[in-house]
Amino acid sequence: MRKQAVTGLTELSPPTFEDVLRARVRISPYLRPTPAYRWPGIDRLTGAQVWVKHENHQPVGAFKVRGGVNLVSQLSADERRRGVVTASTGNHGQSIAYASRLFGVAAVICAPESANPVKVEAIRDLGAEVVLQGRNFDEARTNAARLAEERGHRYISSGDEPLLIAGVGTHTLELFEEHPEIDVVIVPIGGGSGAAGSCIVKRAMKPQARVIGVQSERAPSAYRSWKARTPVDAPNETLAEGLQTGMPFELPQRILGDLLDDFVLVSDDELLRATSAMLLHTRNLVEPAGAAALAAAVMLRDSLAGANVAIICSGGNISPAQLAQVVRLAAPGGDVG
């Protein structure tokens, strides 16, 4: 039996393309559009014409900040006074911490005890309180909901928030405006907000294009839920903390069920090889979740041959332990491709 969701939210309406356009106006004073670069080595690995959308160039090193700025900018005066609390494995937490500092809001970020130390330190540097409790993201979600009730904070779900989805959808808005020739967008999925935003934008700007989601086979709850068209819990054991979700989010799943064109799983080994490939071929440090779209493109090489493909490099906040694994693969004789 599936556990009851911790958000306590009534059914939410999905954001529209107009909401994404409004989000761009709100975030533009604080965040610049990120580059989409072509890299010959990535083209060779995938057999396609590939644009890498470098969300790792965001001020917190991840795409989530788009949604955080959009949401926190719209809090009511009472919500700002009460402060906010959310759960995160790192990048969403940095997003809320960054946006809260911009708008003078107190923020509490609940993370699992094993959270990426690079991300935890960055959240604290942004002025947020960090509570490390629980074995994984789903236990951190439960802790955040408890603190919201006890302290009176405004609870921010990392998935079931229309303003977050509209905000992160601006990365695909930028892609299609700059490169209307793109046929396929590949998006990493943890909770699913990024892919949901991409789907909303694709439907409005280029309906014939395809959005493909990718998740780790060691944390496949969003994938299984999309396949079954009903919420499915799953083990949550991937090394890529940006893809860790054992319980699916309702609102992104509703959007993905209607609009996502395909969904694939990759192994954690494939994520590490793709991270190494990004280091070698783009000279960018990315985290394993940020390389997930490349891992999927390599796996789908035959079906993508000759296509114009965009991959969302969702984040670059790699831990020292992960980097050590990646460097070993990137060394002469390593298995990168």
C-alpha atoms as a PDB file:
ATOM      1  CA  MET A   1       0.000   0.000   0.000  1.00  0.00           C
ATOM      2  CA  ARG A   2       1.308   3.418  -0.860  1.00  0.00           C
ATOM      3  CA  LYS A   3       2.079   5.762   2.011  1.00  0.00           C
ATOM      4  CA  GLN A   4      -0.040   8.857   2.343  1.00  0.00           C
ATOM      5  CA  ALA A   5       1.549  11.919   0.741  1.00  0.00           C
ATOM      6  CA  VAL A   6       3.079  14.322   3.247  1.00  0.00           C
ATOM      7  CA  THR A   7       2.057  17.550   1.540  1.00  0.00           C
ATOM      8  CA  GLY A   8      -1.567  17.646   2.673  1.00  0.00           C
ATOM      9  CA  LEU A   9      -2.379  19.563  -0.507  1.00  0.00           C
ATOM     10  CA  THR A  10      -5.729  19.617  -2.240  1.00  0.00           C
ATOM     11  CA  GLU A  11      -5.615  18.905  -5.962  1.00  0.00           C
ATOM     12  CA  LEU A  12      -3.648  21.600  -7.750  1.00  0.00           C
ATOM     13  CA  SER A  13      -4.131  22.976 -11.229  1.00  0.00           C
ATOM     14  CA  PRO A  14      -1.144  22.466 -13.546  1.00  0.00           C
ATOM     15  CA  PRO A  15       0.637  25.629 -14.648  1.00  0.00           C
ATOM     16  CA  THR A  16       0.026  26.893 -18.156  1.00  0.00           C
ATOM     17  CA  PHE A  17       2.398  28.198 -20.808  1.00  0.00           C
ATOM     18  CA  GLU A  18       1.286  31.701 -19.799  1.00  0.00           C
ATOM     19  CA  ASP A  19       2.466  30.898 -16.257  1.00  0.00           C
ATOM     20  CA  VAL A  20       5.899  30.018 -17.679  1.00  0.00           C
ATOM     21  CA  LEU A  21       6.001  33.342 -19.537  1.00  0.00           C
ATOM     22  CA  ARG A  22       5.091  35.194 -16.339  1.00  0.00           C
ATOM     23  CA  ALA A  23       7.767  33.254 -14.479  1.00  0.00           C
ATOM     24  CA  ARG A  24      10.387  34.448 -16.940  1.00  0.00           C
ATOM     25  CA  VAL A  25       9.467  38.058 -16.234  1.00  0.00           C
ATOM     26  CA  ARG A  26       9.731  37.469 -12.484  1.00  0.00           C
ATOM     27  CA  ILE A  27      13.084  35.705 -12.520  1.00  0.00           C
ATOM     28  CA  SER A  28      14.799  37.805 -15.195  1.00  0.00           C
ATOM     29  CA  PRO A  29      16.058  40.493 -12.766  1.00  0.00           C
ATOM     30  CA  TYR A  30      17.899  37.792 -10.811  1.00  0.00           C
ATOM     31  CA  LEU A  31      18.839  35.014 -13.267  1.00  0.00           C
ATOM     32  CA  ARG A  32      20.321  35.231 -16.746  1.00  0.00           C
ATOM     33  CA  PRO A  33      19.474  32.742 -19.513  1.00  0.00           C
ATOM     34  CA  THR A  34      21.908  29.832 -19.503  1.00  0.00           C
ATOM     35  CA  PRO A  35      23.938  28.874 -22.596  1.00  0.00           C
ATOM     36  CA  ALA A  36      23.169  25.949 -24.884  1.00  0.00           C
ATOM     37  CA  TYR A  37      26.453  24.802 -26.401  1.00  0.00           C
ATOM     38  CA  ARG A  38      27.391  22.249 -29.061  1.00  0.00           C
ATOM     39  CA  TRP A  39      30.300  19.923 -28.231  1.00  0.00           C
ATOM     40  CA  PRO A  40      31.781  17.700 -31.002  1.00  0.00           C
ATOM     41  CA  GLY A  41      32.599  14.889 -28.580  1.00  0.00           C
ATOM     42  CA  ILE A  42      28.998  14.773 -27.374  1.00  0.00           C
ATOM     43  CA  ASP A  43      27.764  14.645 -30.974  1.00  0.00           C
ATOM     44  CA  ARG A  44      30.092  11.717 -31.609  1.00  0.00           C
ATOM     45  CA  LEU A  45      28.921   9.798 -28.559  1.00  0.00           C
ATOM     46  CA  THR A  46      25.245  10.216 -29.400  1.00  0.00           C
ATOM     47  CA  GLY A  47      25.230  10.215 -33.211  1.00  0.00           C
ATOM     48  CA  ALA A  48      23.038  13.336 -33.108  1.00  0.00           C
ATOM     49  CA  GLN A  49      23.316  17.121 -33.201  1.00  0.00           C
ATOM     50  CA  VAL A  50      23.242  17.897 -29.497  1.00  0.00           C
ATOM     51  CA  TRP A  51      22.853  21.146 -27.597  1.00  0.00           C
ATOM     52  CA  VAL A  52      23.783  20.950 -23.918  1.00  0.00           C
ATOM     53  CA  LYS A  53      21.652  23.333 -21.867  1.00  0.00           C
ATOM     54  CA  HIS A  54      24.082  24.281 -19.110  1.00  0.00           C
ATOM     55  CA  GLU A  55      21.940  24.734 -16.030  1.00  0.00           C
ATOM     56  CA  ASN A  56      25.100  23.974 -14.067  1.00  0.00           C
ATOM     57  CA  HIS A  57      26.003  27.627 -14.840  1.00  0.00           C
ATOM     58  CA  GLN A  58      23.194  28.907 -12.582  1.00  0.00           C
ATOM     59  CA  PRO A  59      24.286  30.803  -9.431  1.00  0.00           C
ATOM     60  CA  VAL A  60      23.491  27.735  -7.281  1.00  0.00           C
ATOM     61  CA  GLY A  61      24.791  25.325  -9.919  1.00  0.00           C
ATOM     62  CA  ALA A  62      21.389  23.839 -10.800  1.00  0.00           C
ATOM     63  CA  PHE A  63      18.146  24.502 -12.686  1.00  0.00           C
ATOM     64  CA  LYS A  64      16.005  24.429  -9.533  1.00  0.00           C
ATOM     65  CA  VAL A  65      16.804  28.047  -8.743  1.00  0.00           C
ATOM     66  CA  ARG A  66      14.446  29.153 -11.514  1.00  0.00           C
ATOM     67  CA  GLY A  67      11.505  27.678  -9.639  1.00  0.00           C
ATOM     68  CA  GLY A  68      12.697  28.865  -6.258  1.00  0.00           C
ATOM     69  CA  VAL A  69      12.909  32.504  -7.324  1.00  0.00           C
ATOM     70  CA  ASN A  70       9.524  32.306  -9.047  1.00  0.00           C
ATOM     71  CA  LEU A  71       7.801  30.794  -6.002  1.00  0.00           C
ATOM     72  CA  VAL A  72       9.376  32.816  -3.197  1.00  0.00           C
ATOM     73  CA  SER A  73       8.774  36.054  -5.105  1.00  0.00           C
ATOM     74  CA  GLN A  74       5.049  35.289  -4.947  1.00  0.00           C
ATOM     75  CA  LEU A  75       4.727  34.478  -1.252  1.00  0.00           C
ATOM     76  CA  SER A  76       2.165  36.497   0.656  1.00  0.00           C
ATOM     77  CA  ALA A  77       3.245  38.915   3.365  1.00  0.00           C
ATOM     78  CA  ASP A  78       2.035  36.431   5.997  1.00  0.00           C
ATOM     79  CA  GLU A  79       4.002  33.561   4.417  1.00  0.00           C
ATOM     80  CA  ARG A  80       7.151  35.676   4.304  1.00  0.00           C
ATOM     81  CA  ARG A  81       6.724  36.542   7.959  1.00  0.00           C
ATOM     82  CA  ARG A  82       6.238  32.874   8.953  1.00  0.00           C
ATOM     83  CA  GLY A  83       9.180  31.616   6.902  1.00  0.00           C
ATOM     84  CA  VAL A  84       9.381  28.506   4.754  1.00  0.00           C
ATOM     85  CA  VAL A  85      10.452  24.894   5.153  1.00  0.00           C
ATOM     86  CA  THR A  86      11.160  22.302   2.498  1.00  0.00           C
ATOM     87  CA  ALA A  87      12.881  18.965   1.955  1.00  0.00           C
ATOM     88  CA  SER A  88      15.731  18.445  -0.450  1.00  0.00           C
ATOM     89  CA  THR A  89      18.707  16.302  -1.316  1.00  0.00           C
ATOM     90  CA  GLY A  90      20.510  19.549  -2.104  1.00  0.00           C
ATOM     91  CA  ASN A  91      19.715  21.468  -5.273  1.00  0.00           C
ATOM     92  CA  HIS A  92      16.101  22.331  -4.460  1.00  0.00           C
ATOM     93  CA  GLY A  93      17.275  23.336  -1.008  1.00  0.00           C
ATOM     94  CA  GLN A  94      19.876  25.666  -2.482  1.00  0.00           C
ATOM     95  CA  SER A  95      17.178  27.103  -4.715  1.00  0.00           C
ATOM     96  CA  ILE A  96      14.858  27.941  -1.833  1.00  0.00           C
ATOM     97  CA  ALA A  97      17.740  29.220   0.293  1.00  0.00           C
ATOM     98  CA  TYR A  98      18.960  31.469  -2.542  1.00  0.00           C
ATOM     99  CA  ALA A  99      15.497  32.859  -3.258  1.00  0.00           C
ATOM    100  CA  SER A 100      14.717  33.305   0.434  1.00  0.00           C
ATOM    101  CA  ARG A 101      17.861  35.375   0.880  1.00  0.00           C
ATOM    102  CA  LEU A 102      16.852  37.529  -2.092  1.00  0.00           C
ATOM    103  CA  PHE A 103      13.448  38.301  -0.596  1.00  0.00           C
ATOM    104  CA  GLY A 104      14.282  38.370   3.107  1.00  0.00           C
ATOM    105  CA  VAL A 105      12.521  35.149   4.107  1.00  0.00           C
ATOM    106  CA  ALA A 106      13.743  32.717   6.782  1.00  0.00           C
ATOM    107  CA  ALA A 107      14.210  29.223   5.335  1.00  0.00           C
ATOM    108  CA  VAL A 108      14.624  25.765   6.853  1.00  0.00           C
ATOM    109  CA  ILE A 109      15.917  22.974   4.611  1.00  0.00           C
ATOM    110  CA  CYS A 110      15.428  19.355   5.707  1.00  0.00           C
ATOM    111  CA  ALA A 111      17.847  16.911   4.117  1.00  0.00           C
ATOM    112  CA  PRO A 112      18.798  13.282   4.720  1.00  0.00           C
ATOM    113  CA  GLU A 113      21.765  12.556   6.942  1.00  0.00           C
ATOM    114  CA  SER A 114      23.734  11.311   3.922  1.00  0.00           C
ATOM    115  CA  ALA A 115      23.159  14.489   1.878  1.00  0.00           C
ATOM    116  CA  ASN A 116      25.905  15.715  -0.464  1.00  0.00           C
ATOM    117  CA  PRO A 117      28.185  17.788   1.821  1.00  0.00           C
ATOM    118  CA  VAL A 118      28.934  20.276  -0.957  1.00  0.00           C
ATOM    119  CA  LYS A 119      25.233  21.082  -1.254  1.00  0.00           C
ATOM    120  CA  VAL A 120      24.672  21.200   2.502  1.00  0.00           C
ATOM    121  CA  GLU A 121      27.516  23.676   2.979  1.00  0.00           C
ATOM    122  CA  ALA A 122      26.183  25.824   0.123  1.00  0.00           C
ATOM    123  CA  ILE A 123      22.698  25.912   1.695  1.00  0.00           C
ATOM    124  CA  ARG A 124      24.169  27.081   4.987  1.00  0.00           C
ATOM    125  CA  ASP A 125      26.300  29.680   3.221  1.00  0.00           C
ATOM    126  CA  LEU A 126      23.083  31.082   1.748  1.00  0.00           C
ATOM    127  CA  GLY A 127      21.760  31.661   5.266  1.00  0.00           C
ATOM    128  CA  ALA A 128      19.239  28.840   5.617  1.00  0.00           C
ATOM    129  CA  GLU A 129      18.905  26.520   8.594  1.00  0.00           C
ATOM    130  CA  VAL A 130      19.730  22.913   7.660  1.00  0.00           C
ATOM    131  CA  VAL A 131      18.164  19.967   9.485  1.00  0.00           C
ATOM    132  CA  LEU A 132      19.867  16.660   8.676  1.00  0.00           C
ATOM    133  CA  GLN A 133      17.576  13.813   9.649  1.00  0.00           C
ATOM    134  CA  GLY A 134      16.436  10.612   7.968  1.00  0.00           C
ATOM    135  CA  ARG A 135      17.972   7.952   5.770  1.00  0.00           C
ATOM    136  CA  ASN A 136      16.742   9.347   2.458  1.00  0.00           C
ATOM    137  CA  PHE A 137      14.824  12.114   0.743  1.00  0.00           C
ATOM    138  CA  ASP A 138      11.408  10.649   1.549  1.00  0.00           C
ATOM    139  CA  GLU A 139      12.148  10.665   5.281  1.00  0.00           C
ATOM    140  CA  ALA A 140      13.366  14.255   4.942  1.00  0.00           C
ATOM    141  CA  ARG A 141      10.005  15.108   3.325  1.00  0.00           C
ATOM    142  CA  THR A 142       8.180  13.708   6.328  1.00  0.00           C
ATOM    143  CA  ASN A 143      10.422  15.700   8.673  1.00  0.00           C
ATOM    144  CA  ALA A 144       9.820  18.933   6.755  1.00  0.00           C
ATOM    145  CA  ALA A 145       6.049  18.457   6.920  1.00  0.00           C
ATOM    146  CA  ARG A 146       6.299  17.884  10.682  1.00  0.00           C
ATOM    147  CA  LEU A 147       8.360  21.047  11.196  1.00  0.00           C
ATOM    148  CA  ALA A 148       5.912  23.073   9.103  1.00  0.00           C
ATOM    149  CA  GLU A 149       3.099  22.046  11.420  1.00  0.00           C
ATOM    150  CA  GLU A 150       5.096  22.544  14.619  1.00  0.00           C
ATOM    151  CA  ARG A 151       6.639  25.909  13.724  1.00  0.00           C
ATOM    152  CA  GLY A 152       3.965  27.380  11.467  1.00  0.00           C
ATOM    153  CA  HIS A 153       6.252  27.663   8.425  1.00  0.00           C
ATOM    154  CA  ARG A 154       4.903  27.651   4.889  1.00  0.00           C
ATOM    155  CA  TYR A 155       5.659  24.137   3.596  1.00  0.00           C
ATOM    156  CA  ILE A 156       7.147  24.083   0.077  1.00  0.00           C
ATOM    157  CA  SER A 157       6.830  20.775  -1.721  1.00  0.00           C
ATOM    158  CA  SER A 158       9.760  20.119  -4.035  1.00  0.00           C
ATOM    159  CA  GLY A 159       7.340  18.750  -6.652  1.00  0.00           C
ATOM    160  CA  ASP A 160       3.708  19.669  -6.006  1.00  0.00           C
ATOM    161  CA  GLU A 161       4.059  23.422  -6.536  1.00  0.00           C
ATOM    162  CA  PRO A 162       2.747  25.015  -9.768  1.00  0.00           C
ATOM    163  CA  LEU A 163       5.060  28.024  -9.348  1.00  0.00           C
ATOM    164  CA  LEU A 164       8.124  25.773  -9.151  1.00  0.00           C
ATOM    165  CA  ILE A 165       7.107  23.915 -12.305  1.00  0.00           C
ATOM    166  CA  ALA A 166       6.415  27.139 -14.201  1.00  0.00           C
ATOM    167  CA  GLY A 167       9.747  28.561 -13.093  1.00  0.00           C
ATOM    168  CA  VAL A 168      11.881  25.619 -14.144  1.00  0.00           C
ATOM    169  CA  GLY A 169       9.997  25.400 -17.438  1.00  0.00           C
ATOM    170  CA  THR A 170      11.767  28.589 -18.478  1.00  0.00           C
ATOM    171  CA  HIS A 171      14.879  26.558 -19.401  1.00  0.00           C
ATOM    172  CA  THR A 172      12.954  24.893 -22.234  1.00  0.00           C
ATOM    173  CA  LEU A 173      11.390  28.213 -23.201  1.00  0.00           C
ATOM    174  CA  GLU A 174      14.915  29.568 -23.724  1.00  0.00           C
ATOM    175  CA  LEU A 175      15.895  26.468 -25.703  1.00  0.00           C
ATOM    176  CA  PHE A 176      13.088  26.645 -28.243  1.00  0.00           C
ATOM    177  CA  GLU A 177      13.421  30.410 -28.660  1.00  0.00           C
ATOM    178  CA  GLU A 178      17.141  30.138 -29.376  1.00  0.00           C
ATOM    179  CA  HIS A 179      17.051  26.832 -31.280  1.00  0.00           C
ATOM    180  CA  PRO A 180      13.625  26.214 -32.848  1.00  0.00           C
ATOM    181  CA  GLU A 181      15.133  23.372 -34.879  1.00  0.00           C
ATOM    182  CA  ILE A 182      15.333  21.119 -31.793  1.00  0.00           C
ATOM    183  CA  ASP A 183      13.344  17.895 -32.234  1.00  0.00           C
ATOM    184  CA  VAL A 184      13.962  16.160 -28.902  1.00  0.00           C
ATOM    185  CA  VAL A 185      14.511  17.425 -25.348  1.00  0.00           C
ATOM    186  CA  ILE A 186      15.876  14.930 -22.798  1.00  0.00           C
ATOM    187  CA  VAL A 187      15.306  15.843 -19.152  1.00  0.00           C
ATOM    188  CA  PRO A 188      16.466  14.183 -15.907  1.00  0.00           C
ATOM    189  CA  ILE A 189      13.631  13.248 -13.560  1.00  0.00           C
ATOM    190  CA  GLY A 190      13.693  13.009  -9.791  1.00  0.00           C
ATOM    191  CA  GLY A 191      10.465  14.561  -8.594  1.00  0.00           C
ATOM    192  CA  GLY A 192       9.594  15.544 -12.159  1.00  0.00           C
ATOM    193  CA  SER A 193       9.174  19.325 -12.015  1.00  0.00           C
ATOM    194  CA  GLY A 194      11.784  19.984 -14.717  1.00  0.00           C
ATOM    195  CA  ALA A 195      10.323  17.494 -17.171  1.00  0.00           C
ATOM    196  CA  ALA A 196       6.785  18.695 -16.430  1.00  0.00           C
ATOM    197  CA  GLY A 197       7.824  22.265 -17.230  1.00  0.00           C
ATOM    198  CA  SER A 198       9.509  21.115 -20.439  1.00  0.00           C
ATOM    199  CA  CYS A 199       6.350  19.317 -21.533  1.00  0.00           C
ATOM    200  CA  ILE A 200       4.169  22.372 -20.967  1.00  0.00           C
ATOM    201  CA  VAL A 201       6.508  24.555 -23.038  1.00  0.00           C
ATOM    202  CA  LYS A 202       6.923  21.977 -25.805  1.00  0.00           C
ATOM    203  CA  ARG A 203       3.146  21.629 -26.225  1.00  0.00           C
ATOM    204  CA  ALA A 204       2.819  25.393 -26.720  1.00  0.00           C
ATOM    205  CA  MET A 205       5.928  26.103 -28.809  1.00  0.00           C
ATOM    206  CA  LYS A 206       6.605  22.960 -30.840  1.00  0.00           C
ATOM    207  CA  PRO A 207       4.020  20.194 -30.371  1.00  0.00           C
ATOM    208  CA  GLN A 208       5.732  17.902 -32.876  1.00  0.00           C
ATOM    209  CA  ALA A 209       8.917  17.814 -30.778  1.00  0.00           C
ATOM    210  CA  ARG A 210       9.417  15.094 -28.171  1.00  0.00           C
ATOM    211  CA  VAL A 211      10.287  15.300 -24.485  1.00  0.00           C
ATOM    212  CA  ILE A 212      11.985  12.226 -23.033  1.00  0.00           C
ATOM    213  CA  GLY A 213      12.463  11.750 -19.303  1.00  0.00           C
ATOM    214  CA  VAL A 214      15.301   9.777 -17.705  1.00  0.00           C
ATOM    215  CA  GLN A 215      15.660   8.382 -14.214  1.00  0.00           C
ATOM    216  CA  SER A 216      18.017   6.002 -12.444  1.00  0.00           C
ATOM    217  CA  GLU A 217      16.921   2.381 -12.408  1.00  0.00           C
ATOM    218  CA  ARG A 218      17.865   2.419  -8.707  1.00  0.00           C
ATOM    219  CA  ALA A 219      15.183   5.040  -7.926  1.00  0.00           C
ATOM    220  CA  PRO A 220      12.409   4.395 -10.484  1.00  0.00           C
ATOM    221  CA  SER A 221       9.243   5.590  -8.733  1.00  0.00           C
ATOM    222  CA  ALA A 222       8.479   8.359 -11.247  1.00  0.00           C
ATOM    223  CA  TYR A 223       9.143   5.979 -14.147  1.00  0.00           C
ATOM    224  CA  ARG A 224       6.925   3.238 -12.735  1.00  0.00           C
ATOM    225  CA  SER A 225       4.190   5.733 -11.882  1.00  0.00           C
ATOM    226  CA  TRP A 226       4.272   7.138 -15.423  1.00  0.00           C
ATOM    227  CA  LYS A 227       4.068   3.640 -16.878  1.00  0.00           C
ATOM    228  CA  ALA A 228       1.203   2.586 -14.603  1.00  0.00           C
ATOM    229  CA  ARG A 229      -0.582   5.964 -14.697  1.00  0.00           C
ATOM    230  CA  THR A 230      -0.982   5.664 -10.936  1.00  0.00           C
ATOM    231  CA  PRO A 231       1.360   6.454  -8.013  1.00  0.00           C
ATOM    232  CA  VAL A 232       3.899   3.691  -7.394  1.00  0.00           C
ATOM    233  CA  ASP A 233       6.498   3.740  -4.624  1.00  0.00           C
ATOM    234  CA  ALA A 234       9.872   2.198  -5.421  1.00  0.00           C
ATOM    235  CA  PRO A 235      13.317   1.668  -3.881  1.00  0.00           C
ATOM    236  CA  ASN A 236      15.354   4.862  -3.619  1.00  0.00           C
ATOM    237  CA  GLU A 237      18.994   3.801  -3.739  1.00  0.00           C
ATOM    238  CA  THR A 238      20.682   5.724  -6.565  1.00  0.00           C
ATOM    239  CA  LEU A 239      24.012   7.467  -6.014  1.00  0.00           C
ATOM    240  CA  ALA A 240      22.624  10.473  -7.936  1.00  0.00           C
ATOM    241  CA  GLU A 241      20.916  12.407  -5.171  1.00  0.00           C
ATOM    242  CA  GLY A 242      19.256  14.699  -7.720  1.00  0.00           C
ATOM    243  CA  LEU A 243      17.253  11.698  -8.959  1.00  0.00           C
ATOM    244  CA  GLN A 244      16.304  10.358  -5.530  1.00  0.00           C
ATOM    245  CA  THR A 245      12.569  10.013  -5.015  1.00  0.00           C
ATOM    246  CA  GLY A 246      10.931   6.917  -3.587  1.00  0.00           C
ATOM    247  CA  MET A 247       7.402   8.363  -3.587  1.00  0.00           C
ATOM    248  CA  PRO A 248       6.150  10.176  -6.711  1.00  0.00           C
ATOM    249  CA  PHE A 249       4.734  13.692  -6.674  1.00  0.00           C
ATOM    250  CA  GLU A 250       1.119  13.982  -7.764  1.00  0.00           C
ATOM    251  CA  LEU A 251       1.168  17.184  -9.834  1.00  0.00           C
ATOM    252  CA  PRO A 252       4.246  16.445 -11.979  1.00  0.00           C
ATOM    253  CA  GLN A 253       2.954  12.920 -12.568  1.00  0.00           C
ATOM    254  CA  ARG A 254      -0.376  14.274 -13.802  1.00  0.00           C
ATOM    255  CA  ILE A 255       1.430  16.524 -16.285  1.00  0.00           C
ATOM    256  CA  LEU A 256       3.869  13.815 -17.371  1.00  0.00           C
ATOM    257  CA  GLY A 257       1.055  11.311 -17.806  1.00  0.00           C
ATOM    258  CA  ASP A 258      -0.646  13.667 -20.250  1.00  0.00           C
ATOM    259  CA  LEU A 259       2.342  15.141 -22.076  1.00  0.00           C
ATOM    260  CA  LEU A 260       5.607  13.188 -21.685  1.00  0.00           C
ATOM    261  CA  ASP A 261       6.495  11.346 -24.908  1.00  0.00           C
ATOM    262  CA  ASP A 262       8.848   8.707 -23.499  1.00  0.00           C
ATOM    263  CA  PHE A 263      10.645   7.726 -20.314  1.00  0.00           C
ATOM    264  CA  VAL A 264      13.783   5.610 -19.922  1.00  0.00           C
ATOM    265  CA  LEU A 265      15.877   4.220 -17.099  1.00  0.00           C
ATOM    266  CA  VAL A 266      19.685   4.190 -16.933  1.00  0.00           C
ATOM    267  CA  SER A 267      22.037   2.450 -14.528  1.00  0.00           C
ATOM    268  CA  ASP A 268      24.150   4.266 -11.969  1.00  0.00           C
ATOM    269  CA  ASP A 269      27.224   3.033 -13.859  1.00  0.00           C
ATOM    270  CA  GLU A 270      25.875   4.727 -16.995  1.00  0.00           C
ATOM    271  CA  LEU A 271      25.357   7.913 -14.994  1.00  0.00           C
ATOM    272  CA  LEU A 272      28.976   7.890 -13.845  1.00  0.00           C
ATOM    273  CA  ARG A 273      30.272   7.247 -17.376  1.00  0.00           C
ATOM    274  CA  ALA A 274      28.145  10.105 -18.686  1.00  0.00           C
ATOM    275  CA  THR A 275      29.475  12.382 -15.933  1.00  0.00           C
ATOM    276  CA  SER A 276      33.007  11.504 -16.998  1.00  0.00           C
ATOM    277  CA  ALA A 277      32.111  12.140 -20.635  1.00  0.00           C
ATOM    278  CA  MET A 278      30.785  15.580 -19.745  1.00  0.00           C
ATOM    279  CA  LEU A 279      34.044  16.367 -17.962  1.00  0.00           C
ATOM    280  CA  LEU A 280      36.147  15.225 -20.925  1.00  0.00           C
ATOM    281  CA  HIS A 281      34.088  16.588 -23.803  1.00  0.00           C
ATOM    282  CA  THR A 282      32.601  19.805 -22.376  1.00  0.00           C
ATOM    283  CA  ARG A 283      35.193  20.685 -19.717  1.00  0.00           C
ATOM    284  CA  ASN A 284      32.310  21.102 -17.266  1.00  0.00           C
ATOM    285  CA  LEU A 285      32.027  19.559 -13.832  1.00  0.00           C
ATOM    286  CA  VAL A 286      28.525  18.131 -13.555  1.00  0.00           C
ATOM    287  CA  GLU A 287      26.883  15.900 -10.989  1.00  0.00           C
ATOM    288  CA  PRO A 288      25.562  12.444 -11.965  1.00  0.00           C
ATOM    289  CA  ALA A 289      21.959  13.681 -12.120  1.00  0.00           C
ATOM    290  CA  GLY A 290      23.144  16.483 -14.412  1.00  0.00           C
ATOM    291  CA  ALA A 291      24.635  13.892 -16.775  1.00  0.00           C
ATOM    292  CA  ALA A 292      21.514  11.705 -16.827  1.00  0.00           C
ATOM    293  CA  ALA A 293      20.215  13.197 -20.076  1.00  0.00           C
ATOM    294  CA  LEU A 294      23.511  12.399 -21.795  1.00  0.00           C
ATOM    295  CA  ALA A 295      23.376   8.835 -20.453  1.00  0.00           C
ATOM    296  CA  ALA A 296      19.913   8.494 -21.996  1.00  0.00           C
ATOM    297  CA  ALA A 297      21.023   9.988 -25.314  1.00  0.00           C
ATOM    298  CA  VAL A 298      23.883   7.492 -25.542  1.00  0.00           C
ATOM    299  CA  MET A 299      21.505   4.638 -24.756  1.00  0.00           C
ATOM    300  CA  LEU A 300      19.022   5.902 -27.383  1.00  0.00           C
ATOM    301  CA  ARG A 301      21.753   6.533 -29.970  1.00  0.00           C
ATOM    302  CA  ASP A 302      20.147   4.449 -32.746  1.00  0.00           C
ATOM    303  CA  SER A 303      16.735   6.104 -32.464  1.00  0.00           C
ATOM    304  CA  LEU A 304      18.238   9.616 -32.203  1.00  0.00           C
ATOM    305  CA  ALA A 305      20.601   9.297 -35.184  1.00  0.00           C
ATOM    306  CA  GLY A 306      20.694  12.591 -37.084  1.00  0.00           C
ATOM    307  CA  ALA A 307      18.155  14.313 -34.800  1.00  0.00           C
ATOM    308  CA  ASN A 308      18.470  17.773 -33.288  1.00  0.00           C
ATOM    309  CA  VAL A 309      18.591  17.012 -29.574  1.00  0.00           C
ATOM    310  CA  ALA A 310      18.787  19.162 -26.457  1.00  0.00           C
ATOM    311  CA  ILE A 311      19.935  17.631 -23.193  1.00  0.00           C
ATOM    312  CA  ILE A 312      19.279  19.419 -19.933  1.00  0.00           C
ATOM    313  CA  CYS A 313      22.440  19.432 -17.836  1.00  0.00           C
ATOM    314  CA  SER A 314      20.432  19.973 -14.676  1.00  0.00           C
ATOM    315  CA  GLY A 315      23.218  20.543 -12.159  1.00  0.00           C
ATOM    316  CA  GLY A 316      26.924  20.627 -11.424  1.00  0.00           C
ATOM    317  CA  ASN A 317      27.125  20.181  -7.659  1.00  0.00           C
ATOM    318  CA  ILE A 318      29.210  17.035  -7.555  1.00  0.00           C
ATOM    319  CA  SER A 319      30.541  15.711  -4.242  1.00  0.00           C
ATOM    320  CA  PRO A 320      34.247  14.954  -3.744  1.00  0.00           C
ATOM    321  CA  ALA A 321      33.480  11.224  -3.457  1.00  0.00           C
ATOM    322  CA  GLN A 322      31.537  11.241  -6.727  1.00  0.00           C
ATOM    323  CA  LEU A 323      34.271  13.269  -8.417  1.00  0.00           C
ATOM    324  CA  ALA A 324      36.881  10.712  -7.408  1.00  0.00           C
ATOM    325  CA  GLN A 325      34.858   7.989  -9.129  1.00  0.00           C
ATOM    326  CA  VAL A 326      34.447  10.135 -12.227  1.00  0.00           C
ATOM    327  CA  VAL A 327      38.157  11.003 -12.451  1.00  0.00           C
ATOM    328  CA  ARG A 328      39.067   7.319 -12.339  1.00  0.00           C
ATOM    329  CA  LEU A 329      36.787   6.696 -15.316  1.00  0.00           C
ATOM    330  CA  ALA A 330      38.173   9.702 -17.183  1.00  0.00           C
ATOM    331  CA  ALA A 331      41.807   8.595 -16.732  1.00  0.00           C
ATOM    332  CA  PRO A 332      43.585   6.750 -19.578  1.00  0.00           C
ATOM    333  CA  GLY A 333      42.067   3.301 -19.835  1.00  0.00           C
ATOM    334  CA  GLY A 334      38.828   4.429 -18.181  1.00  0.00           C
ATOM    335  CA  ASP A 335      35.483   3.371 -19.651  1.00  0.00           C
ATOM    336  CA  VAL A 336      34.000   6.625 -20.942  1.00  0.00           C
ATOM    337  CA  GLY A 337      33.633   6.498 -24.709  1.00  0.00           C
END
